[in-house]
């Protein structure tokens, strides 16, 4: 099973978009992401991003996602999980 088909089968389309965005950011060395910037880049609302990131924090086995800060927009810390 390819990574894309795994994401498509396990997560909603919005969650898949967010995971792809987070993985792209991790590849360039980012580990902190603001909901409002994810929303702007993906054409979603910040609330929609926050709701889905909270769900992903509980169900995603590939990434360690946690709320980090609440100033001016929720900041999320995202790290790859050790395999």
PDB file of N, CA and C in Angstrom:
ATOM      1  N   UNK A   1       0.842  -1.178   0.000  1.00  0.00           N
ATOM      2  CA  UNK A   1       0.000   0.000   0.000  1.00  0.00           C
ATOM      3  C   UNK A   1       0.885   1.238   0.000  1.00  0.00           C
ATOM      4  N   UNK A   2       0.635   2.146  -0.924  1.00  0.00           N
ATOM      5  CA  UNK A   2       1.430   3.373  -0.986  1.00  0.00           C
ATOM      6  C   UNK A   2       0.999   4.325   0.115  1.00  0.00           C
ATOM      7  N   UNK A   3       1.870   5.270   0.409  1.00  0.00           N
ATOM      8  CA  UNK A   3       1.585   6.247   1.462  1.00  0.00           C
ATOM      9  C   UNK A   3       0.315   7.039   1.149  1.00  0.00           C
ATOM     10  N   UNK A   4       0.155   7.467  -0.118  1.00  0.00           N
ATOM     11  CA  UNK A   4      -1.023   8.243  -0.504  1.00  0.00           C
ATOM     12  C   UNK A   4      -2.308   7.437  -0.316  1.00  0.00           C
ATOM     13  N   UNK A   5      -2.311   6.174  -0.713  1.00  0.00           N
ATOM     14  CA  UNK A   5      -3.526   5.379  -0.562  1.00  0.00           C
ATOM     15  C   UNK A   5      -3.798   5.075   0.912  1.00  0.00           C
ATOM     16  N   UNK A   6      -2.748   4.957   1.734  1.00  0.00           N
ATOM     17  CA  UNK A   6      -2.915   4.746   3.166  1.00  0.00           C
ATOM     18  C   UNK A   6      -3.605   5.960   3.786  1.00  0.00           C
ATOM     19  N   UNK A   7      -3.132   7.152   3.446  1.00  0.00           N
ATOM     20  CA  UNK A   7      -3.736   8.373   3.975  1.00  0.00           C
ATOM     21  C   UNK A   7      -5.185   8.483   3.507  1.00  0.00           C
ATOM     22  N   UNK A   8      -5.425   8.169   2.239  1.00  0.00           N
ATOM     23  CA  UNK A   8      -6.774   8.265   1.678  1.00  0.00           C
ATOM     24  C   UNK A   8      -7.739   7.305   2.378  1.00  0.00           C
ATOM     25  N   UNK A   9      -7.285   6.108   2.706  1.00  0.00           N
ATOM     26  CA  UNK A   9      -8.144   5.107   3.328  1.00  0.00           C
ATOM     27  C   UNK A   9      -8.377   5.342   4.823  1.00  0.00           C
ATOM     28  N   UNK A  10      -7.390   5.890   5.523  1.00  0.00           N
ATOM     29  CA  UNK A  10      -7.479   6.020   6.976  1.00  0.00           C
ATOM     30  C   UNK A  10      -8.080   7.351   7.434  1.00  0.00           C
ATOM     31  N   UNK A  11      -7.877   8.406   6.672  1.00  0.00           N
ATOM     32  CA  UNK A  11      -8.266   9.746   7.099  1.00  0.00           C
ATOM     33  C   UNK A  11      -9.261  10.378   6.128  1.00  0.00           C
ATOM     34  N   UNK A  12      -9.973  11.412   6.601  1.00  0.00           N
ATOM     35  CA  UNK A  12     -10.855  12.162   5.711  1.00  0.00           C
ATOM     36  C   UNK A  12      -9.994  12.943   4.722  1.00  0.00           C
ATOM     37  N   UNK A  13     -10.618  13.484   3.692  1.00  0.00           N
ATOM     38  CA  UNK A  13      -9.850  14.240   2.698  1.00  0.00           C
ATOM     39  C   UNK A  13      -9.206  15.476   3.335  1.00  0.00           C
ATOM     40  N   UNK A  14      -9.915  16.136   4.237  1.00  0.00           N
ATOM     41  CA  UNK A  14      -9.343  17.307   4.917  1.00  0.00           C
ATOM     42  C   UNK A  14      -8.163  16.906   5.779  1.00  0.00           C
ATOM     43  N   UNK A  15      -8.292  15.820   6.512  1.00  0.00           N
ATOM     44  CA  UNK A  15      -7.185  15.346   7.342  1.00  0.00           C
ATOM     45  C   UNK A  15      -6.002  14.937   6.477  1.00  0.00           C
ATOM     46  N   UNK A  16      -6.270  14.334   5.331  1.00  0.00           N
ATOM     47  CA  UNK A  16      -5.203  13.966   4.408  1.00  0.00           C
ATOM     48  C   UNK A  16      -4.449  15.178   3.896  1.00  0.00           C
ATOM     49  N   UNK A  17      -5.184  16.255   3.570  1.00  0.00           N
ATOM     50  CA  UNK A  17      -4.547  17.494   3.121  1.00  0.00           C
ATOM     51  C   UNK A  17      -3.657  18.066   4.215  1.00  0.00           C
ATOM     52  N   UNK A  18      -4.175  18.073   5.436  1.00  0.00           N
ATOM     53  CA  UNK A  18      -3.417  18.613   6.563  1.00  0.00           C
ATOM     54  C   UNK A  18      -2.167  17.777   6.815  1.00  0.00           C
ATOM     55  N   UNK A  19      -2.294  16.458   6.777  1.00  0.00           N
ATOM     56  CA  UNK A  19      -1.129  15.592   6.985  1.00  0.00           C
ATOM     57  C   UNK A  19      -0.072  15.799   5.901  1.00  0.00           C
ATOM     58  N   UNK A  20      -0.502  15.944   4.672  1.00  0.00           N
ATOM     59  CA  UNK A  20       0.452  16.198   3.587  1.00  0.00           C
ATOM     60  C   UNK A  20       1.169  17.529   3.808  1.00  0.00           C
ATOM     61  N   UNK A  21       0.417  18.538   4.234  1.00  0.00           N
ATOM     62  CA  UNK A  21       0.991  19.852   4.528  1.00  0.00           C
ATOM     63  C   UNK A  21       2.028  19.735   5.657  1.00  0.00           C
ATOM     64  N   UNK A  22       1.671  19.044   6.728  1.00  0.00           N
ATOM     65  CA  UNK A  22       2.576  18.880   7.866  1.00  0.00           C
ATOM     66  C   UNK A  22       3.835  18.109   7.459  1.00  0.00           C
ATOM     67  N   UNK A  23       3.662  17.044   6.692  1.00  0.00           N
ATOM     68  CA  UNK A  23       4.823  16.265   6.244  1.00  0.00           C
ATOM     69  C   UNK A  23       5.747  17.083   5.361  1.00  0.00           C
ATOM     70  N   UNK A  24       5.177  17.932   4.509  1.00  0.00           N
ATOM     71  CA  UNK A  24       5.998  18.811   3.673  1.00  0.00           C
ATOM     72  C   UNK A  24       6.798  19.778   4.535  1.00  0.00           C
ATOM     73  N   UNK A  25       6.146  20.328   5.561  1.00  0.00           N
ATOM     74  CA  UNK A  25       6.835  21.229   6.479  1.00  0.00           C
ATOM     75  C   UNK A  25       7.933  20.537   7.254  1.00  0.00           C
ATOM     76  N   UNK A  26       7.674  19.307   7.691  1.00  0.00           N
ATOM     77  CA  UNK A  26       8.698  18.550   8.425  1.00  0.00           C
ATOM     78  C   UNK A  26       9.923  18.287   7.552  1.00  0.00           C
ATOM     79  N   UNK A  27       9.698  18.042   6.266  1.00  0.00           N
ATOM     80  CA  UNK A  27      10.814  17.769   5.354  1.00  0.00           C
ATOM     81  C   UNK A  27      11.761  18.952   5.226  1.00  0.00           C
ATOM     82  N   UNK A  28      11.239  20.175   5.413  1.00  0.00           N
ATOM     83  CA  UNK A  28      12.109  21.357   5.310  1.00  0.00           C
ATOM     84  C   UNK A  28      12.558  21.860   6.684  1.00  0.00           C
ATOM     85  N   UNK A  29      12.269  21.076   7.720  1.00  0.00           N
ATOM     86  CA  UNK A  29      12.787  21.384   9.047  1.00  0.00           C
ATOM     87  C   UNK A  29      11.852  22.112   9.988  1.00  0.00           C
ATOM     88  N   UNK A  30      10.607  22.333   9.598  1.00  0.00           N
ATOM     89  CA  UNK A  30       9.653  22.986  10.497  1.00  0.00           C
ATOM     90  C   UNK A  30       9.094  21.966  11.480  1.00  0.00           C
ATOM     91  N   UNK A  31       8.779  22.435  12.694  1.00  0.00           N
ATOM     92  CA  UNK A  31       8.083  21.558  13.626  1.00  0.00           C
ATOM     93  C   UNK A  31       6.955  22.287  14.356  1.00  0.00           C
ATOM     94  N   UNK A  32       6.813  23.594  14.127  1.00  0.00           N
ATOM     95  CA  UNK A  32       5.728  24.369  14.719  1.00  0.00           C
ATOM     96  C   UNK A  32       4.879  24.955  13.597  1.00  0.00           C
ATOM     97  N   UNK A  33       3.563  24.796  13.728  1.00  0.00           N
ATOM     98  CA  UNK A  33       2.630  25.223  12.694  1.00  0.00           C
ATOM     99  C   UNK A  33       1.463  25.954  13.343  1.00  0.00           C
ATOM    100  N   UNK A  34       1.088  27.105  12.804  1.00  0.00           N
ATOM    101  CA  UNK A  34      -0.072  27.853  13.291  1.00  0.00           C
ATOM    102  C   UNK A  34      -1.300  27.470  12.475  1.00  0.00           C
ATOM    103  N   UNK A  35      -2.407  27.251  13.171  1.00  0.00           N
ATOM    104  CA  UNK A  35      -3.653  26.869  12.502  1.00  0.00           C
ATOM    105  C   UNK A  35      -4.050  27.863  11.420  1.00  0.00           C
ATOM    106  N   UNK A  36      -3.899  29.168  11.705  1.00  0.00           N
ATOM    107  CA  UNK A  36      -4.360  30.169  10.737  1.00  0.00           C
ATOM    108  C   UNK A  36      -3.546  30.136   9.447  1.00  0.00           C
ATOM    109  N   UNK A  37      -2.266  29.796   9.528  1.00  0.00           N
ATOM    110  CA  UNK A  37      -1.451  29.732   8.311  1.00  0.00           C
ATOM    111  C   UNK A  37      -1.719  28.448   7.522  1.00  0.00           C
ATOM    112  N   UNK A  38      -1.948  27.349   8.232  1.00  0.00           N
ATOM    113  CA  UNK A  38      -2.338  26.108   7.556  1.00  0.00           C
ATOM    114  C   UNK A  38      -3.653  26.357   6.824  1.00  0.00           C
ATOM    115  N   UNK A  39      -4.596  26.989   7.520  1.00  0.00           N
ATOM    116  CA  UNK A  39      -5.917  27.265   6.935  1.00  0.00           C
ATOM    117  C   UNK A  39      -5.782  28.133   5.688  1.00  0.00           C
ATOM    118  N   UNK A  40      -4.988  29.171   5.776  1.00  0.00           N
ATOM    119  CA  UNK A  40      -4.801  30.070   4.631  1.00  0.00           C
ATOM    120  C   UNK A  40      -4.196  29.328   3.445  1.00  0.00           C
ATOM    121  N   UNK A  41      -3.182  28.533   3.691  1.00  0.00           N
ATOM    122  CA  UNK A  41      -2.492  27.807   2.617  1.00  0.00           C
ATOM    123  C   UNK A  41      -3.361  26.726   1.987  1.00  0.00           C
ATOM    124  N   UNK A  42      -4.253  26.124   2.769  1.00  0.00           N
ATOM    125  CA  UNK A  42      -5.072  25.017   2.269  1.00  0.00           C
ATOM    126  C   UNK A  42      -6.498  25.421   1.901  1.00  0.00           C
ATOM    127  N   UNK A  43      -6.864  26.695   2.122  1.00  0.00           N
ATOM    128  CA  UNK A  43      -8.212  27.136   1.800  1.00  0.00           C
ATOM    129  C   UNK A  43      -9.260  26.611   2.763  1.00  0.00           C
ATOM    130  N   UNK A  44      -8.880  26.449   4.024  1.00  0.00           N
ATOM    131  CA  UNK A  44      -9.789  25.970   5.062  1.00  0.00           C
ATOM    132  C   UNK A  44      -9.974  27.062   6.101  1.00  0.00           C
ATOM    133  N   UNK A  45     -10.894  26.868   7.032  1.00  0.00           N
ATOM    134  CA  UNK A  45     -11.027  27.810   8.139  1.00  0.00           C
ATOM    135  C   UNK A  45     -10.083  27.382   9.264  1.00  0.00           C
ATOM    136  N   UNK A  46      -9.611  28.339  10.070  1.00  0.00           N
ATOM    137  CA  UNK A  46      -8.754  27.974  11.207  1.00  0.00           C
ATOM    138  C   UNK A  46      -9.442  27.005  12.172  1.00  0.00           C
ATOM    139  N   UNK A  47     -10.753  27.171  12.346  1.00  0.00           N
ATOM    140  CA  UNK A  47     -11.494  26.267  13.225  1.00  0.00           C
ATOM    141  C   UNK A  47     -11.493  24.847  12.665  1.00  0.00           C
ATOM    142  N   UNK A  48     -11.675  24.731  11.358  1.00  0.00           N
ATOM    143  CA  UNK A  48     -11.673  23.422  10.701  1.00  0.00           C
ATOM    144  C   UNK A  48     -10.299  22.746  10.866  1.00  0.00           C
ATOM    145  N   UNK A  49      -9.252  23.542  10.722  1.00  0.00           N
ATOM    146  CA  UNK A  49      -7.894  23.006  10.897  1.00  0.00           C
ATOM    147  C   UNK A  49      -7.694  22.555  12.340  1.00  0.00           C
ATOM    148  N   UNK A  50      -8.082  23.398  13.294  1.00  0.00           N
ATOM    149  CA  UNK A  50      -7.910  23.060  14.702  1.00  0.00           C
ATOM    150  C   UNK A  50      -8.670  21.814  15.106  1.00  0.00           C
ATOM    151  N   UNK A  51      -9.901  21.699  14.634  1.00  0.00           N
ATOM    152  CA  UNK A  51     -10.712  20.520  14.942  1.00  0.00           C
ATOM    153  C   UNK A  51     -10.057  19.256  14.399  1.00  0.00           C
ATOM    154  N   UNK A  52      -9.608  19.322  13.155  1.00  0.00           N
ATOM    155  CA  UNK A  52      -8.992  18.142  12.544  1.00  0.00           C
ATOM    156  C   UNK A  52      -7.631  17.822  13.150  1.00  0.00           C
ATOM    157  N   UNK A  53      -6.860  18.837  13.528  1.00  0.00           N
ATOM    158  CA  UNK A  53      -5.571  18.565  14.181  1.00  0.00           C
ATOM    159  C   UNK A  53      -5.779  17.919  15.542  1.00  0.00           C
ATOM    160  N   UNK A  54      -6.820  18.320  16.267  1.00  0.00           N
ATOM    161  CA  UNK A  54      -7.115  17.687  17.557  1.00  0.00           C
ATOM    162  C   UNK A  54      -7.465  16.211  17.359  1.00  0.00           C
ATOM    163  N   UNK A  55      -8.222  15.918  16.317  1.00  0.00           N
ATOM    164  CA  UNK A  55      -8.545  14.518  16.005  1.00  0.00           C
ATOM    165  C   UNK A  55      -7.283  13.759  15.607  1.00  0.00           C
ATOM    166  N   UNK A  56      -6.487  14.373  14.741  1.00  0.00           N
ATOM    167  CA  UNK A  56      -5.247  13.721  14.289  1.00  0.00           C
ATOM    168  C   UNK A  56      -4.280  13.481  15.451  1.00  0.00           C
ATOM    169  N   UNK A  57      -4.275  14.378  16.425  1.00  0.00           N
ATOM    170  CA  UNK A  57      -3.395  14.199  17.593  1.00  0.00           C
ATOM    171  C   UNK A  57      -3.717  12.886  18.304  1.00  0.00           C
ATOM    172  N   UNK A  58      -4.988  12.484  18.254  1.00  0.00           N
ATOM    173  CA  UNK A  58      -5.410  11.244  18.912  1.00  0.00           C
ATOM    174  C   UNK A  58      -5.249  10.001  18.041  1.00  0.00           C
ATOM    175  N   UNK A  59      -5.429  10.134  16.727  1.00  0.00           N
ATOM    176  CA  UNK A  59      -5.485   8.934  15.880  1.00  0.00           C
ATOM    177  C   UNK A  59      -4.281   8.724  14.968  1.00  0.00           C
ATOM    178  N   UNK A  60      -3.446   9.730  14.805  1.00  0.00           N
ATOM    179  CA  UNK A  60      -2.334   9.611  13.859  1.00  0.00           C
ATOM    180  C   UNK A  60      -1.155   8.876  14.497  1.00  0.00           C
ATOM    181  N   UNK A  61      -0.778   7.764  13.890  1.00  0.00           N
ATOM    182  CA  UNK A  61       0.347   6.974  14.400  1.00  0.00           C
ATOM    183  C   UNK A  61       1.689   7.454  13.850  1.00  0.00           C
ATOM    184  N   UNK A  62       1.673   8.190  12.742  1.00  0.00           N
ATOM    185  CA  UNK A  62       2.906   8.587  12.069  1.00  0.00           C
ATOM    186  C   UNK A  62       3.529   9.852  12.660  1.00  0.00           C
ATOM    187  N   UNK A  63       2.680  10.749  13.198  1.00  0.00           N
ATOM    188  CA  UNK A  63       3.162  12.028  13.703  1.00  0.00           C
ATOM    189  C   UNK A  63       2.727  12.236  15.145  1.00  0.00           C
ATOM    190  N   UNK A  64       3.582  12.881  15.916  1.00  0.00           N
ATOM    191  CA  UNK A  64       3.252  13.296  17.274  1.00  0.00           C
ATOM    192  C   UNK A  64       2.781  14.746  17.176  1.00  0.00           C
ATOM    193  N   UNK A  65       1.487  14.967  17.335  1.00  0.00           N
ATOM    194  CA  UNK A  65       0.879  16.291  17.168  1.00  0.00           C
ATOM    195  C   UNK A  65       0.363  16.744  18.527  1.00  0.00           C
ATOM    196  N   UNK A  66       0.777  17.946  18.963  1.00  0.00           N
ATOM    197  CA  UNK A  66       0.296  18.456  20.243  1.00  0.00           C
ATOM    198  C   UNK A  66       0.113  19.968  20.182  1.00  0.00           C
ATOM    199  N   UNK A  67      -0.894  20.453  20.920  1.00  0.00           N
ATOM    200  CA  UNK A  67      -1.095  21.903  21.033  1.00  0.00           C
ATOM    201  C   UNK A  67       0.088  22.468  21.788  1.00  0.00           C
ATOM    202  N   UNK A  68       0.628  23.554  21.291  1.00  0.00           N
ATOM    203  CA  UNK A  68       1.826  24.103  21.901  1.00  0.00           C
ATOM    204  C   UNK A  68       1.572  25.469  22.520  1.00  0.00           C
ATOM    205  N   UNK A  69       0.855  26.342  21.816  1.00  0.00           N
ATOM    206  CA  UNK A  69       0.648  27.703  22.292  1.00  0.00           C
ATOM    207  C   UNK A  69      -0.670  28.236  21.745  1.00  0.00           C
ATOM    208  N   UNK A  70      -1.240  29.223  22.435  1.00  0.00           N
ATOM    209  CA  UNK A  70      -2.519  29.779  22.011  1.00  0.00           C
ATOM    210  C   UNK A  70      -2.454  31.263  21.661  1.00  0.00           C
ATOM    211  N   UNK A  71      -1.291  31.868  21.605  1.00  0.00           N
ATOM    212  CA  UNK A  71      -1.217  33.304  21.345  1.00  0.00           C
ATOM    213  C   UNK A  71      -1.481  33.616  19.871  1.00  0.00           C
ATOM    214  N   UNK A  72      -2.506  34.401  19.611  1.00  0.00           N
ATOM    215  CA  UNK A  72      -2.850  34.891  18.276  1.00  0.00           C
ATOM    216  C   UNK A  72      -3.325  33.808  17.316  1.00  0.00           C
ATOM    217  N   UNK A  73      -3.238  32.591  17.652  1.00  0.00           N
ATOM    218  CA  UNK A  73      -3.705  31.447  16.878  1.00  0.00           C
ATOM    219  C   UNK A  73      -3.068  30.227  17.526  1.00  0.00           C
ATOM    220  N   UNK A  74      -3.741  29.114  17.478  1.00  0.00           N
ATOM    221  CA  UNK A  74      -3.164  27.918  18.084  1.00  0.00           C
ATOM    222  C   UNK A  74      -1.935  27.479  17.302  1.00  0.00           C
ATOM    223  N   UNK A  75      -0.859  27.259  18.026  1.00  0.00           N
ATOM    224  CA  UNK A  75       0.358  26.722  17.437  1.00  0.00           C
ATOM    225  C   UNK A  75       0.430  25.242  17.799  1.00  0.00           C
ATOM    226  N   UNK A  76       0.763  24.447  16.809  1.00  0.00           N
ATOM    227  CA  UNK A  76       0.866  22.999  16.993  1.00  0.00           C
ATOM    228  C   UNK A  76       2.311  22.566  16.814  1.00  0.00           C
ATOM    229  N   UNK A  77       2.776  21.709  17.708  1.00  0.00           N
ATOM    230  CA  UNK A  77       4.101  21.109  17.554  1.00  0.00           C
ATOM    231  C   UNK A  77       3.899  19.744  16.919  1.00  0.00           C
ATOM    232  N   UNK A  78       4.635  19.516  15.837  1.00  0.00           N
ATOM    233  CA  UNK A  78       4.495  18.272  15.097  1.00  0.00           C
ATOM    234  C   UNK A  78       5.877  17.648  14.928  1.00  0.00           C
ATOM    235  N   UNK A  79       5.995  16.398  15.345  1.00  0.00           N
ATOM    236  CA  UNK A  79       7.251  15.660  15.214  1.00  0.00           C
ATOM    237  C   UNK A  79       6.950  14.270  14.663  1.00  0.00           C
ATOM    238  N   UNK A  80       7.878  13.721  13.900  1.00  0.00           N
ATOM    239  CA  UNK A  80       7.668  12.331  13.444  1.00  0.00           C
ATOM    240  C   UNK A  80       7.757  11.402  14.657  1.00  0.00           C
ATOM    241  N   UNK A  81       6.937  10.378  14.655  1.00  0.00           N
ATOM    242  CA  UNK A  81       7.012   9.382  15.742  1.00  0.00           C
ATOM    243  C   UNK A  81       8.130   8.398  15.425  1.00  0.00           C
ATOM    244  N   UNK A  82       8.817   7.988  16.464  1.00  0.00           N
ATOM    245  CA  UNK A  82       9.847   6.964  16.294  1.00  0.00           C
ATOM    246  C   UNK A  82       9.167   5.644  15.946  1.00  0.00           C
ATOM    247  N   UNK A  83       9.722   4.938  15.002  1.00  0.00           N
ATOM    248  CA  UNK A  83       9.128   3.668  14.560  1.00  0.00           C
ATOM    249  C   UNK A  83       9.677   2.530  15.355  1.00  0.00           C
TER     250      UNK A  83
END
